[in-house]
Amino acid sequence: MKTYLTVFLVAFISGYILLRALKVLSSKKSVFRNKDNIPILGGVGLLLSFVLGLLYFSIYENMLSLFELTHILIFSLVIFVTGLLDDFNELSLYKKVFIQISLITIFLINGKSIQIYFLPYWMNYLISFLWIMGVTNVFNLLDIGDGLCGGVSLIIGLSFFAVLFINGSFLLAGIFAGLCGALFSFLIVNFPPAKILMGNSGSHFLGFLFATLSMHGDYATLDNPFSVLIPLVILAFPLIDTAYLIIVRVKKGIVPLRKSNDHIFLHLLSSGKRIKPVLFDIYLVVLLWGIGGVFLVFGINVFFSILIFLAVSFSIRLILAARNFS
């Protein structure tokens, strides 16, 4: 545990320093700020601090043991770069979709797919493609307010860390420890009022990492086959938010991937609630789903059942409150 804490702190401290340096740089170059004059280089600081944490972790792990994840890390960087290009020169929806389809297809040719043993080979790859495409964009769609994507991602990252640590997947646990340290430093400067934003580069990078790393973990056992659902449980709120968004947009006759203010978060703000209470309400729901995912490691038990009941109840409460202002 000491190693993980150190990796977390390396990523956190380096992120804290880098993000402030990027904020100063952005104040001197208008190209690094959005129309509201807020720096958009948070994703750069997030990536670099994560990499520094990962490099430190490699000191304790044989570098060869990280080689199996090189494929994921390289493509995460490519996804980040395409998002960064979009931040500075917004790409059309069709170009974004084409680039993502191409990259994910290439990734899966040599990468690890979801392995559901009773399904045919091609279906595992189809599910893997849809999972990566979906989760990558879910986090991009979630990045619509100060402290939202960063805070939700931190809670989800900590949940995955706990699951992987309990399961003995120490390599993946170390990677999530570094990611959480980077996210914590980012959240400090992104919490409202935000001093820096992660941009499309940061949100797509996070989504791709969560999608691919969650596929790499081994969850199900013969004694507990339901644990294969752990990634779905931990990522439940972002997926619910996207489903809500798509339903509302379709009802309004809007193409689901087109921009609109139909997120749960934005609808709750429309009710007159202040941003911080809304954020904490969402954090609580994400935390309930996350802890539920952790308890699923031990099978369907009373604690898991209670947590999922609470998570579902609070999620419905948020949706009903948001629906009144849709």
C-alpha atoms as a PDB file:
ATOM      1  CA  MET A   1       0.000   0.000   0.000  1.00  0.00           C
ATOM      2  CA  LYS A   2       2.942   2.342   0.672  1.00  0.00           C
ATOM      3  CA  THR A   3       3.992   2.055  -2.993  1.00  0.00           C
ATOM      4  CA  TYR A   4       0.505   3.002  -4.198  1.00  0.00           C
ATOM      5  CA  LEU A   5       0.367   5.975  -1.847  1.00  0.00           C
ATOM      6  CA  THR A   6       3.747   7.156  -3.119  1.00  0.00           C
ATOM      7  CA  VAL A   7       2.629   6.805  -6.763  1.00  0.00           C
ATOM      8  CA  PHE A   8      -0.525   8.756  -5.907  1.00  0.00           C
ATOM      9  CA  LEU A   9       1.515  11.533  -4.260  1.00  0.00           C
ATOM     10  CA  VAL A  10       4.026  11.746  -7.136  1.00  0.00           C
ATOM     11  CA  ALA A  11       1.187  12.198  -9.626  1.00  0.00           C
ATOM     12  CA  PHE A  12      -0.637  14.602  -7.321  1.00  0.00           C
ATOM     13  CA  ILE A  13       2.330  16.851  -6.526  1.00  0.00           C
ATOM     14  CA  SER A  14       3.582  16.916 -10.126  1.00  0.00           C
ATOM     15  CA  GLY A  15       0.032  17.642 -11.315  1.00  0.00           C
ATOM     16  CA  TYR A  16      -0.349  20.472  -8.815  1.00  0.00           C
ATOM     17  CA  ILE A  17       2.879  22.091 -10.064  1.00  0.00           C
ATOM     18  CA  LEU A  18       2.227  21.456 -13.769  1.00  0.00           C
ATOM     19  CA  LEU A  19      -1.341  22.751 -13.723  1.00  0.00           C
ATOM     20  CA  ARG A  20      -0.276  26.008 -12.124  1.00  0.00           C
ATOM     21  CA  ALA A  21       2.522  26.399 -14.649  1.00  0.00           C
ATOM     22  CA  LEU A  22       0.044  25.755 -17.479  1.00  0.00           C
ATOM     23  CA  LYS A  23      -2.334  28.312 -15.987  1.00  0.00           C
ATOM     24  CA  VAL A  24       0.440  30.928 -16.036  1.00  0.00           C
ATOM     25  CA  LEU A  25       1.334  29.981 -19.628  1.00  0.00           C
ATOM     26  CA  SER A  26      -2.317  30.269 -20.659  1.00  0.00           C
ATOM     27  CA  SER A  27      -2.554  33.746 -19.182  1.00  0.00           C
ATOM     28  CA  LYS A  28       0.117  34.877 -21.661  1.00  0.00           C
ATOM     29  CA  LYS A  29      -1.318  33.176 -24.771  1.00  0.00           C
ATOM     30  CA  SER A  30      -4.972  33.697 -25.675  1.00  0.00           C
ATOM     31  CA  VAL A  31      -4.933  30.598 -27.901  1.00  0.00           C
ATOM     32  CA  PHE A  32      -4.770  28.498 -24.714  1.00  0.00           C
ATOM     33  CA  ARG A  33      -8.015  30.006 -23.325  1.00  0.00           C
ATOM     34  CA  ASN A  34     -11.654  29.471 -24.274  1.00  0.00           C
ATOM     35  CA  LYS A  35     -14.248  32.138 -25.044  1.00  0.00           C
ATOM     36  CA  ASP A  36     -14.803  32.649 -21.297  1.00  0.00           C
ATOM     37  CA  ASN A  37     -11.062  33.303 -20.884  1.00  0.00           C
ATOM     38  CA  ILE A  38     -10.490  30.078 -18.905  1.00  0.00           C
ATOM     39  CA  PRO A  39      -7.351  28.009 -19.688  1.00  0.00           C
ATOM     40  CA  ILE A  40      -8.068  24.785 -21.580  1.00  0.00           C
ATOM     41  CA  LEU A  41      -4.735  23.007 -21.000  1.00  0.00           C
ATOM     42  CA  GLY A  42      -5.876  21.026 -17.959  1.00  0.00           C
ATOM     43  CA  GLY A  43      -5.807  17.828 -20.000  1.00  0.00           C
ATOM     44  CA  VAL A  44      -2.101  18.367 -20.678  1.00  0.00           C
ATOM     45  CA  GLY A  45      -1.352  18.629 -16.962  1.00  0.00           C
ATOM     46  CA  LEU A  46      -3.544  15.597 -16.293  1.00  0.00           C
ATOM     47  CA  LEU A  47      -1.708  13.487 -18.858  1.00  0.00           C
ATOM     48  CA  LEU A  48       1.816  14.559 -17.837  1.00  0.00           C
ATOM     49  CA  SER A  49       1.237  14.045 -14.108  1.00  0.00           C
ATOM     50  CA  PHE A  50      -0.283  10.613 -14.799  1.00  0.00           C
ATOM     51  CA  VAL A  51       2.782   9.684 -16.882  1.00  0.00           C
ATOM     52  CA  LEU A  52       5.139  10.856 -14.131  1.00  0.00           C
ATOM     53  CA  GLY A  53       3.255   8.752 -11.583  1.00  0.00           C
ATOM     54  CA  LEU A  54       3.437   5.795 -13.960  1.00  0.00           C
ATOM     55  CA  LEU A  55       7.177   6.253 -14.465  1.00  0.00           C
ATOM     56  CA  TYR A  56       7.700   6.293 -10.712  1.00  0.00           C
ATOM     57  CA  PHE A  57       5.583   3.146 -10.382  1.00  0.00           C
ATOM     58  CA  SER A  58       7.800   1.450 -12.977  1.00  0.00           C
ATOM     59  CA  ILE A  59      10.725   1.794 -10.556  1.00  0.00           C
ATOM     60  CA  TYR A  60       8.964  -0.653  -8.230  1.00  0.00           C
ATOM     61  CA  GLU A  61       7.621  -2.861 -10.991  1.00  0.00           C
ATOM     62  CA  ASN A  62       9.674  -4.651 -13.613  1.00  0.00           C
ATOM     63  CA  MET A  63       9.341  -2.514 -16.752  1.00  0.00           C
ATOM     64  CA  LEU A  64       8.547  -5.673 -18.700  1.00  0.00           C
ATOM     65  CA  SER A  65       5.427  -6.128 -16.586  1.00  0.00           C
ATOM     66  CA  LEU A  66       4.161  -2.785 -17.884  1.00  0.00           C
ATOM     67  CA  PHE A  67       4.796  -3.851 -21.470  1.00  0.00           C
ATOM     68  CA  GLU A  68       1.475  -5.676 -21.691  1.00  0.00           C
ATOM     69  CA  LEU A  69      -0.267  -2.348 -21.118  1.00  0.00           C
ATOM     70  CA  THR A  70       1.888  -0.355 -23.559  1.00  0.00           C
ATOM     71  CA  HIS A  71      -0.734  -0.863 -26.255  1.00  0.00           C
ATOM     72  CA  ILE A  72      -3.366   0.853 -24.102  1.00  0.00           C
ATOM     73  CA  LEU A  73      -1.067   3.682 -23.052  1.00  0.00           C
ATOM     74  CA  ILE A  74       0.062   4.433 -26.622  1.00  0.00           C
ATOM     75  CA  PHE A  75      -3.487   4.593 -27.950  1.00  0.00           C
ATOM     76  CA  SER A  76      -4.538   6.691 -24.934  1.00  0.00           C
ATOM     77  CA  LEU A  77      -1.891   9.191 -26.004  1.00  0.00           C
ATOM     78  CA  VAL A  78      -3.162   9.138 -29.614  1.00  0.00           C
ATOM     79  CA  ILE A  79      -6.727   9.721 -28.386  1.00  0.00           C
ATOM     80  CA  PHE A  80      -5.419  12.582 -26.252  1.00  0.00           C
ATOM     81  CA  VAL A  81      -3.653  14.218 -29.217  1.00  0.00           C
ATOM     82  CA  THR A  82      -6.759  14.033 -31.417  1.00  0.00           C
ATOM     83  CA  GLY A  83      -8.753  15.610 -28.591  1.00  0.00           C
ATOM     84  CA  LEU A  84      -6.134  18.343 -28.242  1.00  0.00           C
ATOM     85  CA  LEU A  85      -6.408  19.130 -31.954  1.00  0.00           C
ATOM     86  CA  ASP A  86     -10.170  19.380 -31.477  1.00  0.00           C
ATOM     87  CA  ASP A  87      -9.658  21.818 -28.582  1.00  0.00           C
ATOM     88  CA  PHE A  88      -7.762  24.259 -30.781  1.00  0.00           C
ATOM     89  CA  ASN A  89      -9.581  23.698 -34.068  1.00  0.00           C
ATOM     90  CA  GLU A  90     -12.984  22.089 -33.519  1.00  0.00           C
ATOM     91  CA  LEU A  91     -13.510  19.093 -35.760  1.00  0.00           C
ATOM     92  CA  SER A  92     -16.856  18.290 -37.322  1.00  0.00           C
ATOM     93  CA  LEU A  93     -18.977  15.558 -35.737  1.00  0.00           C
ATOM     94  CA  TYR A  94     -18.404  13.269 -38.729  1.00  0.00           C
ATOM     95  CA  LYS A  95     -14.616  13.688 -38.581  1.00  0.00           C
ATOM     96  CA  LYS A  96     -14.615  12.912 -34.841  1.00  0.00           C
ATOM     97  CA  VAL A  97     -16.695   9.767 -35.328  1.00  0.00           C
ATOM     98  CA  PHE A  98     -14.536   8.598 -38.264  1.00  0.00           C
ATOM     99  CA  ILE A  99     -11.301   9.129 -36.314  1.00  0.00           C
ATOM    100  CA  GLN A 100     -12.637   7.288 -33.265  1.00  0.00           C
ATOM    101  CA  ILE A 101     -13.960   4.348 -35.287  1.00  0.00           C
ATOM    102  CA  SER A 102     -10.611   4.047 -37.072  1.00  0.00           C
ATOM    103  CA  LEU A 103      -8.485   4.260 -33.917  1.00  0.00           C
ATOM    104  CA  ILE A 104     -10.616   1.846 -31.882  1.00  0.00           C
ATOM    105  CA  THR A 105     -10.683  -0.663 -34.741  1.00  0.00           C
ATOM    106  CA  ILE A 106      -6.895  -0.533 -35.068  1.00  0.00           C
ATOM    107  CA  PHE A 107      -6.561  -0.797 -31.288  1.00  0.00           C
ATOM    108  CA  LEU A 108      -8.679  -3.954 -31.150  1.00  0.00           C
ATOM    109  CA  ILE A 109      -6.803  -5.668 -33.982  1.00  0.00           C
ATOM    110  CA  ASN A 110      -3.837  -6.177 -31.659  1.00  0.00           C
ATOM    111  CA  GLY A 111      -5.399  -5.408 -28.295  1.00  0.00           C
ATOM    112  CA  LYS A 112      -7.277  -7.432 -25.708  1.00  0.00           C
ATOM    113  CA  SER A 113     -11.016  -7.689 -26.211  1.00  0.00           C
ATOM    114  CA  ILE A 114     -13.730  -8.457 -23.694  1.00  0.00           C
ATOM    115  CA  GLN A 115     -13.736 -12.213 -23.157  1.00  0.00           C
ATOM    116  CA  ILE A 116     -17.203 -13.621 -22.533  1.00  0.00           C
ATOM    117  CA  TYR A 117     -16.569 -17.294 -23.086  1.00  0.00           C
ATOM    118  CA  PHE A 118     -20.070 -18.368 -24.136  1.00  0.00           C
ATOM    119  CA  LEU A 119     -20.168 -15.737 -26.922  1.00  0.00           C
ATOM    120  CA  PRO A 120     -18.589 -16.161 -30.373  1.00  0.00           C
ATOM    121  CA  TYR A 121     -15.256 -14.528 -31.138  1.00  0.00           C
ATOM    122  CA  TRP A 122     -16.712 -11.796 -33.368  1.00  0.00           C
ATOM    123  CA  MET A 123     -19.350 -10.801 -30.829  1.00  0.00           C
ATOM    124  CA  ASN A 124     -16.717 -10.254 -28.125  1.00  0.00           C
ATOM    125  CA  TYR A 125     -14.961  -7.840 -30.464  1.00  0.00           C
ATOM    126  CA  LEU A 126     -18.211  -6.068 -31.337  1.00  0.00           C
ATOM    127  CA  ILE A 127     -19.057  -5.610 -27.653  1.00  0.00           C
ATOM    128  CA  SER A 128     -15.485  -4.402 -27.008  1.00  0.00           C
ATOM    129  CA  PHE A 129     -15.760  -1.858 -29.824  1.00  0.00           C
ATOM    130  CA  LEU A 130     -19.106  -0.534 -28.565  1.00  0.00           C
ATOM    131  CA  TRP A 131     -17.813  -0.419 -24.971  1.00  0.00           C
ATOM    132  CA  ILE A 132     -14.691   1.594 -25.844  1.00  0.00           C
ATOM    133  CA  MET A 133     -16.556   3.904 -28.227  1.00  0.00           C
ATOM    134  CA  GLY A 134     -19.346   4.423 -25.722  1.00  0.00           C
ATOM    135  CA  VAL A 135     -17.325   5.007 -22.556  1.00  0.00           C
ATOM    136  CA  THR A 136     -14.830   7.286 -24.358  1.00  0.00           C
ATOM    137  CA  ASN A 137     -17.669   9.564 -25.442  1.00  0.00           C
ATOM    138  CA  VAL A 138     -19.569   9.249 -22.170  1.00  0.00           C
ATOM    139  CA  PHE A 139     -16.747  11.051 -20.352  1.00  0.00           C
ATOM    140  CA  ASN A 140     -16.524  13.677 -23.068  1.00  0.00           C
ATOM    141  CA  LEU A 141     -20.273  14.320 -22.718  1.00  0.00           C
ATOM    142  CA  LEU A 142     -19.836  14.505 -18.942  1.00  0.00           C
ATOM    143  CA  ASP A 143     -17.370  17.383 -19.202  1.00  0.00           C
ATOM    144  CA  ILE A 144     -19.977  20.159 -19.191  1.00  0.00           C
ATOM    145  CA  GLY A 145     -19.420  21.911 -15.861  1.00  0.00           C
ATOM    146  CA  ASP A 146     -16.803  22.890 -13.306  1.00  0.00           C
ATOM    147  CA  GLY A 147     -15.769  19.958 -11.123  1.00  0.00           C
ATOM    148  CA  LEU A 148     -18.135  17.458 -12.748  1.00  0.00           C
ATOM    149  CA  CYS A 149     -16.008  15.203 -14.973  1.00  0.00           C
ATOM    150  CA  GLY A 150     -12.940  15.541 -12.728  1.00  0.00           C
ATOM    151  CA  GLY A 151     -14.810  14.680  -9.523  1.00  0.00           C
ATOM    152  CA  VAL A 152     -16.811  11.822 -11.033  1.00  0.00           C
ATOM    153  CA  SER A 153     -13.638  10.410 -12.626  1.00  0.00           C
ATOM    154  CA  LEU A 154     -11.749  10.555  -9.314  1.00  0.00           C
ATOM    155  CA  ILE A 155     -14.457   8.588  -7.480  1.00  0.00           C
ATOM    156  CA  ILE A 156     -14.630   6.034 -10.300  1.00  0.00           C
ATOM    157  CA  GLY A 157     -10.834   5.731 -10.388  1.00  0.00           C
ATOM    158  CA  LEU A 158     -10.682   5.111  -6.631  1.00  0.00           C
ATOM    159  CA  SER A 159     -13.402   2.468  -6.962  1.00  0.00           C
ATOM    160  CA  PHE A 160     -11.468   0.620  -9.671  1.00  0.00           C
ATOM    161  CA  PHE A 161      -8.311   0.885  -7.569  1.00  0.00           C
ATOM    162  CA  ALA A 162     -10.063  -0.734  -4.587  1.00  0.00           C
ATOM    163  CA  VAL A 163     -11.493  -3.562  -6.718  1.00  0.00           C
ATOM    164  CA  LEU A 164      -8.173  -4.320  -8.404  1.00  0.00           C
ATOM    165  CA  PHE A 165      -6.236  -4.165  -5.132  1.00  0.00           C
ATOM    166  CA  ILE A 166      -8.654  -6.607  -3.502  1.00  0.00           C
ATOM    167  CA  ASN A 167      -8.445  -8.907  -6.543  1.00  0.00           C
ATOM    168  CA  GLY A 168      -4.648  -8.852  -6.447  1.00  0.00           C
ATOM    169  CA  SER A 169      -4.275  -7.066  -9.807  1.00  0.00           C
ATOM    170  CA  PHE A 170      -1.420  -4.975  -8.431  1.00  0.00           C
ATOM    171  CA  LEU A 171      -0.170  -3.674 -11.789  1.00  0.00           C
ATOM    172  CA  LEU A 172      -3.546  -2.207 -12.759  1.00  0.00           C
ATOM    173  CA  ALA A 173      -4.068  -0.967  -9.206  1.00  0.00           C
ATOM    174  CA  GLY A 174      -0.793   0.993  -9.437  1.00  0.00           C
ATOM    175  CA  ILE A 175      -1.870   2.586 -12.713  1.00  0.00           C
ATOM    176  CA  PHE A 176      -5.166   3.682 -11.171  1.00  0.00           C
ATOM    177  CA  ALA A 177      -3.280   5.044  -8.135  1.00  0.00           C
ATOM    178  CA  GLY A 178      -1.316   7.325 -10.466  1.00  0.00           C
ATOM    179  CA  LEU A 179      -4.443   8.330 -12.374  1.00  0.00           C
ATOM    180  CA  CYS A 180      -6.247   9.193  -9.141  1.00  0.00           C
ATOM    181  CA  GLY A 181      -3.340  11.351  -7.969  1.00  0.00           C
ATOM    182  CA  ALA A 182      -3.424  13.256 -11.269  1.00  0.00           C
ATOM    183  CA  LEU A 183      -7.216  13.632 -11.055  1.00  0.00           C
ATOM    184  CA  PHE A 184      -7.091  14.901  -7.471  1.00  0.00           C
ATOM    185  CA  SER A 185      -4.630  17.662  -8.394  1.00  0.00           C
ATOM    186  CA  PHE A 186      -6.813  18.573 -11.387  1.00  0.00           C
ATOM    187  CA  LEU A 187      -9.999  18.682  -9.325  1.00  0.00           C
ATOM    188  CA  ILE A 188      -8.453  21.201  -6.930  1.00  0.00           C
ATOM    189  CA  VAL A 189      -8.037  23.738  -9.751  1.00  0.00           C
ATOM    190  CA  ASN A 190     -11.185  22.686 -11.623  1.00  0.00           C
ATOM    191  CA  PHE A 191     -13.615  22.806  -8.696  1.00  0.00           C
ATOM    192  CA  PRO A 192     -15.973  25.793  -9.092  1.00  0.00           C
ATOM    193  CA  PRO A 193     -15.071  28.391  -9.944  1.00  0.00           C
ATOM    194  CA  ALA A 194     -12.755  26.519 -12.343  1.00  0.00           C
ATOM    195  CA  LYS A 195      -9.302  27.975 -12.922  1.00  0.00           C
ATOM    196  CA  ILE A 196      -8.501  25.513 -15.718  1.00  0.00           C
ATOM    197  CA  LEU A 197     -10.450  23.050 -17.902  1.00  0.00           C
ATOM    198  CA  MET A 198      -9.484  19.566 -19.123  1.00  0.00           C
ATOM    199  CA  GLY A 199     -10.854  20.127 -22.641  1.00  0.00           C
ATOM    200  CA  ASN A 200     -11.743  17.395 -25.130  1.00  0.00           C
ATOM    201  CA  SER A 201      -8.198  16.049 -24.845  1.00  0.00           C
ATOM    202  CA  GLY A 202      -8.555  15.280 -21.149  1.00  0.00           C
ATOM    203  CA  SER A 203     -12.107  13.915 -21.248  1.00  0.00           C
ATOM    204  CA  HIS A 204     -11.489  11.609 -24.231  1.00  0.00           C
ATOM    205  CA  PHE A 205      -8.221  10.450 -22.644  1.00  0.00           C
ATOM    206  CA  LEU A 206     -10.019   9.586 -19.397  1.00  0.00           C
ATOM    207  CA  GLY A 207     -12.874   7.820 -21.159  1.00  0.00           C
ATOM    208  CA  PHE A 208     -10.547   5.699 -23.276  1.00  0.00           C
ATOM    209  CA  LEU A 209      -8.421   4.778 -20.250  1.00  0.00           C
ATOM    210  CA  PHE A 210     -11.422   3.761 -18.153  1.00  0.00           C
ATOM    211  CA  ALA A 211     -12.872   1.740 -21.034  1.00  0.00           C
ATOM    212  CA  THR A 212      -9.697  -0.153 -21.931  1.00  0.00           C
ATOM    213  CA  LEU A 213      -8.254  -0.651 -18.440  1.00  0.00           C
ATOM    214  CA  SER A 214     -11.613  -1.917 -17.160  1.00  0.00           C
ATOM    215  CA  MET A 215     -11.566  -4.499 -19.984  1.00  0.00           C
ATOM    216  CA  HIS A 216      -8.059  -5.596 -19.004  1.00  0.00           C
ATOM    217  CA  GLY A 217      -9.012  -6.499 -15.444  1.00  0.00           C
ATOM    218  CA  ASP A 218     -10.132 -10.017 -14.580  1.00  0.00           C
ATOM    219  CA  TYR A 219     -13.236  -9.835 -12.395  1.00  0.00           C
ATOM    220  CA  ALA A 220     -15.348 -12.970 -12.770  1.00  0.00           C
ATOM    221  CA  THR A 221     -14.560 -16.218 -10.999  1.00  0.00           C
ATOM    222  CA  LEU A 222     -16.316 -19.591 -10.944  1.00  0.00           C
ATOM    223  CA  ASP A 223     -17.547 -18.772  -7.430  1.00  0.00           C
ATOM    224  CA  ASN A 224     -18.698 -15.262  -8.357  1.00  0.00           C
ATOM    225  CA  PRO A 225     -19.685 -14.958 -12.042  1.00  0.00           C
ATOM    226  CA  PHE A 226     -21.676 -11.775 -11.337  1.00  0.00           C
ATOM    227  CA  SER A 227     -18.446  -9.865 -10.675  1.00  0.00           C
ATOM    228  CA  VAL A 228     -18.044  -9.537 -14.453  1.00  0.00           C
ATOM    229  CA  LEU A 229     -20.557  -6.688 -14.046  1.00  0.00           C
ATOM    230  CA  ILE A 230     -18.218  -4.660 -11.805  1.00  0.00           C
ATOM    231  CA  PRO A 231     -17.173  -2.152 -14.537  1.00  0.00           C
ATOM    232  CA  LEU A 232     -20.833  -1.572 -15.448  1.00  0.00           C
ATOM    233  CA  VAL A 233     -21.738  -0.926 -11.804  1.00  0.00           C
ATOM    234  CA  ILE A 234     -18.828   1.442 -11.150  1.00  0.00           C
ATOM    235  CA  LEU A 235     -19.487   3.369 -14.369  1.00  0.00           C
ATOM    236  CA  ALA A 236     -23.271   3.333 -13.896  1.00  0.00           C
ATOM    237  CA  PHE A 237     -23.850   7.050 -13.343  1.00  0.00           C
ATOM    238  CA  PRO A 238     -21.981   8.328 -16.435  1.00  0.00           C
ATOM    239  CA  LEU A 239     -23.835   5.704 -18.486  1.00  0.00           C
ATOM    240  CA  ILE A 240     -27.186   6.703 -16.935  1.00  0.00           C
ATOM    241  CA  ASP A 241     -26.453  10.373 -17.601  1.00  0.00           C
ATOM    242  CA  THR A 242     -25.711   9.646 -21.255  1.00  0.00           C
ATOM    243  CA  ALA A 243     -28.853   7.512 -21.614  1.00  0.00           C
ATOM    244  CA  TYR A 244     -30.900  10.357 -20.116  1.00  0.00           C
ATOM    245  CA  LEU A 245     -29.244  12.824 -22.480  1.00  0.00           C
ATOM    246  CA  ILE A 246     -29.957  10.687 -25.555  1.00  0.00           C
ATOM    247  CA  ILE A 247     -33.615  10.129 -24.597  1.00  0.00           C
ATOM    248  CA  VAL A 248     -34.259  13.843 -24.009  1.00  0.00           C
ATOM    249  CA  ARG A 249     -32.520  14.834 -27.247  1.00  0.00           C
ATOM    250  CA  VAL A 250     -34.411  12.239 -29.306  1.00  0.00           C
ATOM    251  CA  LYS A 251     -37.705  13.483 -27.834  1.00  0.00           C
ATOM    252  CA  LYS A 252     -36.744  16.995 -28.934  1.00  0.00           C
ATOM    253  CA  GLY A 253     -35.761  15.779 -32.397  1.00  0.00           C
ATOM    254  CA  ILE A 254     -32.065  16.494 -31.827  1.00  0.00           C
ATOM    255  CA  VAL A 255     -29.336  14.139 -33.082  1.00  0.00           C
ATOM    256  CA  PRO A 256     -28.005  12.481 -29.859  1.00  0.00           C
ATOM    257  CA  LEU A 257     -24.365  13.458 -30.530  1.00  0.00           C
ATOM    258  CA  ARG A 258     -25.241  17.093 -31.253  1.00  0.00           C
ATOM    259  CA  LYS A 259     -24.631  19.599 -28.461  1.00  0.00           C
ATOM    260  CA  SER A 260     -27.513  20.705 -26.217  1.00  0.00           C
ATOM    261  CA  ASN A 261     -28.050  21.612 -22.564  1.00  0.00           C
ATOM    262  CA  ASP A 262     -29.975  18.438 -21.761  1.00  0.00           C
ATOM    263  CA  HIS A 263     -27.682  16.898 -19.166  1.00  0.00           C
ATOM    264  CA  ILE A 264     -28.880  15.913 -15.687  1.00  0.00           C
ATOM    265  CA  PHE A 265     -26.304  18.316 -14.234  1.00  0.00           C
ATOM    266  CA  LEU A 266     -27.464  21.303 -16.309  1.00  0.00           C
ATOM    267  CA  HIS A 267     -31.149  20.577 -15.712  1.00  0.00           C
ATOM    268  CA  LEU A 268     -30.521  20.495 -11.967  1.00  0.00           C
ATOM    269  CA  LEU A 269     -28.782  23.857 -12.193  1.00  0.00           C
ATOM    270  CA  SER A 270     -31.809  25.180 -14.102  1.00  0.00           C
ATOM    271  CA  SER A 271     -33.908  24.415 -11.009  1.00  0.00           C
ATOM    272  CA  GLY A 272     -32.106  27.212  -9.213  1.00  0.00           C
ATOM    273  CA  LYS A 273     -29.813  25.025  -7.125  1.00  0.00           C
ATOM    274  CA  ARG A 274     -26.261  26.232  -6.650  1.00  0.00           C
ATOM    275  CA  ILE A 275     -23.499  24.373  -8.451  1.00  0.00           C
ATOM    276  CA  LYS A 276     -21.678  22.950  -5.424  1.00  0.00           C
ATOM    277  CA  PRO A 277     -24.752  21.252  -3.851  1.00  0.00           C
ATOM    278  CA  VAL A 278     -25.579  19.780  -7.277  1.00  0.00           C
ATOM    279  CA  LEU A 279     -22.024  18.459  -7.597  1.00  0.00           C
ATOM    280  CA  PHE A 280     -22.124  16.874  -4.144  1.00  0.00           C
ATOM    281  CA  ASP A 281     -25.477  15.223  -4.940  1.00  0.00           C
ATOM    282  CA  ILE A 282     -23.923  13.683  -8.061  1.00  0.00           C
ATOM    283  CA  TYR A 283     -20.715  12.728  -6.230  1.00  0.00           C
ATOM    284  CA  LEU A 284     -22.834  10.872  -3.647  1.00  0.00           C
ATOM    285  CA  VAL A 285     -24.627   8.871  -6.347  1.00  0.00           C
ATOM    286  CA  VAL A 286     -21.333   8.015  -8.095  1.00  0.00           C
ATOM    287  CA  LEU A 287     -19.838   6.995  -4.735  1.00  0.00           C
ATOM    288  CA  LEU A 288     -22.768   4.677  -3.966  1.00  0.00           C
ATOM    289  CA  TRP A 289     -22.393   2.952  -7.344  1.00  0.00           C
ATOM    290  CA  GLY A 290     -18.620   2.781  -6.868  1.00  0.00           C
ATOM    291  CA  ILE A 291     -18.766   1.205  -3.402  1.00  0.00           C
ATOM    292  CA  GLY A 292     -21.442  -1.144  -4.711  1.00  0.00           C
ATOM    293  CA  GLY A 293     -18.980  -2.251  -7.390  1.00  0.00           C
ATOM    294  CA  VAL A 294     -16.332  -2.854  -4.729  1.00  0.00           C
ATOM    295  CA  PHE A 295     -18.663  -5.044  -2.651  1.00  0.00           C
ATOM    296  CA  LEU A 296     -19.596  -7.028  -5.762  1.00  0.00           C
ATOM    297  CA  VAL A 297     -16.050  -8.434  -5.601  1.00  0.00           C
ATOM    298  CA  PHE A 298     -17.372 -10.578  -2.740  1.00  0.00           C
ATOM    299  CA  GLY A 299     -20.474 -11.670  -4.626  1.00  0.00           C
ATOM    300  CA  ILE A 300     -24.136 -10.770  -4.260  1.00  0.00           C
ATOM    301  CA  ASN A 301     -24.376  -9.959  -0.563  1.00  0.00           C
ATOM    302  CA  VAL A 302     -26.460  -7.819   1.776  1.00  0.00           C
ATOM    303  CA  PHE A 303     -24.057  -4.857   1.650  1.00  0.00           C
ATOM    304  CA  PHE A 304     -24.022  -4.904  -2.145  1.00  0.00           C
ATOM    305  CA  SER A 305     -27.816  -5.113  -2.243  1.00  0.00           C
ATOM    306  CA  ILE A 306     -28.257  -2.164   0.136  1.00  0.00           C
ATOM    307  CA  LEU A 307     -25.758  -0.018  -1.763  1.00  0.00           C
ATOM    308  CA  ILE A 308     -27.336  -0.775  -5.147  1.00  0.00           C
ATOM    309  CA  PHE A 309     -30.797  -0.030  -3.728  1.00  0.00           C
ATOM    310  CA  LEU A 310     -29.526   3.343  -2.477  1.00  0.00           C
ATOM    311  CA  ALA A 311     -27.660   4.042  -5.728  1.00  0.00           C
ATOM    312  CA  VAL A 312     -30.738   3.295  -7.835  1.00  0.00           C
ATOM    313  CA  SER A 313     -32.991   5.316  -5.518  1.00  0.00           C
ATOM    314  CA  PHE A 314     -30.740   8.379  -5.532  1.00  0.00           C
ATOM    315  CA  SER A 315     -30.227   8.092  -9.302  1.00  0.00           C
ATOM    316  CA  ILE A 316     -33.998   8.068  -9.864  1.00  0.00           C
ATOM    317  CA  ARG A 317     -34.321  11.036  -7.519  1.00  0.00           C
ATOM    318  CA  LEU A 318     -31.793  13.011  -9.572  1.00  0.00           C
ATOM    319  CA  ILE A 319     -33.467  12.067 -12.864  1.00  0.00           C
ATOM    320  CA  LEU A 320     -36.933  13.070 -11.614  1.00  0.00           C
ATOM    321  CA  ALA A 321     -35.589  16.385 -10.320  1.00  0.00           C
ATOM    322  CA  ALA A 322     -33.822  17.028 -13.638  1.00  0.00           C
ATOM    323  CA  ARG A 323     -36.836  15.946 -15.690  1.00  0.00           C
ATOM    324  CA  ASN A 324     -38.933  18.810 -14.293  1.00  0.00           C
ATOM    325  CA  PHE A 325     -36.633  21.240 -16.115  1.00  0.00           C
ATOM    326  CA  SER A 326     -36.060  19.305 -19.343  1.00  0.00           C
END
